[in-house]
Amino acid sequence: MNKKLHIKKGDTVFVNSGEYKGKQGKVLEVLVSKERAIVEGVNIMSRHTKPNAQSPQGGIIKKEAPIHISNLMLVDPSSGKPTRIGRRRNEKDKLVRYSKKSGEEIK
């Protein structure tokens, strides 16, 4: 069984270590089995491609590579700063994520 992750597709995250430390970006995809995420504008790699239908010219294409979940922190929607995430039950007895910094629920 896969571990429950603190980051979902569409979240804004802060990179807290590595070459792109200090950058923020939107999560495009989460690879749950590998515990990695693809973040917009972070961990850019160059890919050499032959000419094909998508790129008739071919050449070098810049593309985001996955980054490990442990190197990402969710950005608190209210303050705009990185925060840790907790889980608690709301009034409707549904498990929701909340910001440890502000205590607010994260949609």
Protein backbone atom coordinates (compact mmCIF):
# COMPACT_ATOMS: atom_id res chain seq x y z
CA MET A 1 0.00 0.00 0.00
CA ASN A 2 1.21 3.49 -0.85
CA LYS A 3 1.94 6.14 1.77
CA LYS A 4 -0.43 9.12 2.05
CA LEU A 5 1.36 12.20 0.72
CA HIS A 6 1.06 15.80 1.92
CA ILE A 7 1.08 17.24 -1.61
CA LYS A 8 -1.59 17.06 -4.31
CA LYS A 9 -1.80 18.09 -7.95
CA GLY A 10 -2.46 21.83 -8.26
CA ASP A 11 -0.80 22.80 -4.94
CA THR A 12 1.76 25.60 -4.81
CA VAL A 13 4.97 24.27 -3.26
CA PHE A 14 8.31 25.63 -2.03
CA VAL A 15 11.55 23.75 -2.76
CA ASN A 16 13.55 23.52 0.49
CA SER A 17 16.70 21.75 -0.73
CA GLY A 18 18.75 20.99 -3.81
CA GLU A 19 19.70 23.00 -6.87
CA TYR A 20 16.33 24.79 -7.01
CA LYS A 21 16.21 25.66 -3.28
CA GLY A 22 14.01 28.70 -2.58
CA LYS A 23 11.90 28.41 -5.75
CA GLN A 24 8.13 28.08 -5.80
CA GLY A 25 5.97 26.36 -8.38
CA LYS A 26 2.69 24.61 -9.07
CA VAL A 27 2.51 20.80 -8.86
CA LEU A 28 1.70 19.42 -12.32
CA GLU A 29 1.72 15.72 -11.43
CA VAL A 30 2.30 13.50 -8.39
CA LEU A 31 3.97 10.09 -8.84
CA VAL A 32 2.65 8.37 -5.70
CA SER A 33 4.48 5.05 -6.12
CA LYS A 34 7.87 6.80 -6.43
CA GLU A 35 7.06 9.56 -3.86
CA ARG A 36 7.96 12.23 -6.40
CA ALA A 37 6.25 15.24 -7.94
CA ILE A 38 6.69 17.24 -11.13
CA VAL A 39 6.75 20.96 -10.31
CA GLU A 40 6.36 23.75 -12.88
CA GLY A 41 9.70 25.47 -13.58
CA VAL A 42 11.70 23.29 -11.16
CA ASN A 43 14.30 20.57 -11.91
CA ILE A 44 14.52 21.36 -15.64
CA MET A 45 16.31 18.81 -17.81
CA SER A 46 17.30 18.84 -21.49
CA ARG A 47 15.96 16.08 -23.69
CA HIS A 48 17.39 15.39 -27.14
CA THR A 49 14.64 14.33 -29.54
CA LYS A 50 14.47 13.10 -33.09
CA PRO A 51 12.02 14.83 -35.42
CA ASN A 52 8.47 13.52 -34.87
CA ALA A 53 4.83 14.65 -35.15
CA GLN A 54 4.99 16.86 -32.02
CA SER A 55 8.32 18.48 -32.93
CA PRO A 56 8.97 18.26 -36.68
CA GLN A 57 12.30 20.06 -36.21
CA GLY A 58 13.54 17.78 -33.40
CA GLY A 59 16.40 19.11 -31.25
CA ILE A 60 16.77 19.84 -27.55
CA ILE A 61 13.58 20.18 -25.49
CA LYS A 62 13.57 21.55 -21.92
CA LYS A 63 11.29 19.57 -19.61
CA GLU A 64 10.57 19.29 -15.86
CA ALA A 65 11.91 16.16 -14.15
CA PRO A 66 10.36 14.67 -10.97
CA ILE A 67 11.61 15.92 -7.59
CA HIS A 68 11.33 13.98 -4.32
CA ILE A 69 8.35 14.88 -2.09
CA SER A 70 10.62 15.35 0.96
CA ASN A 71 12.25 18.35 -0.75
CA LEU A 72 8.89 20.15 -1.10
CA MET A 73 6.79 22.14 1.38
CA LEU A 74 3.26 23.35 0.75
CA VAL A 75 2.83 27.12 0.61
CA ASP A 76 0.27 28.43 3.12
CA PRO A 77 -2.54 30.06 1.07
CA SER A 78 -3.12 32.83 3.66
CA SER A 79 0.49 33.94 4.35
CA GLY A 80 2.25 32.77 1.19
CA LYS A 81 5.02 31.13 3.26
CA PRO A 82 6.00 27.43 3.41
CA THR A 83 4.26 25.38 6.09
CA ARG A 84 4.04 21.84 7.38
CA ILE A 85 0.77 19.96 6.91
CA GLY A 86 -1.46 18.19 9.41
CA ARG A 87 -4.66 16.19 9.03
CA ARG A 88 -7.80 16.49 11.13
CA ARG A 89 -11.52 15.80 10.86
CA ASN A 90 -13.83 18.70 10.00
CA GLU A 91 -17.48 19.25 11.03
CA LYS A 92 -18.69 16.84 8.35
CA ASP A 93 -16.35 14.14 9.77
CA LYS A 94 -14.15 14.30 6.66
CA LEU A 95 -10.35 14.17 6.89
CA VAL A 96 -8.89 17.50 5.68
CA ARG A 97 -5.40 19.00 5.41
CA TYR A 98 -4.56 22.05 7.50
CA SER A 99 -1.62 24.42 7.81
CA LYS A 100 0.46 23.94 10.97
CA LYS A 101 1.55 27.60 10.75
CA SER A 102 -1.85 29.34 10.55
CA GLY A 103 -4.18 26.47 11.56
CA GLU A 104 -6.33 27.13 8.47
CA GLU A 105 -7.89 24.38 6.42
CA ILE A 106 -6.35 23.82 2.97
CA LYS A 107 -8.79 23.35 0.11
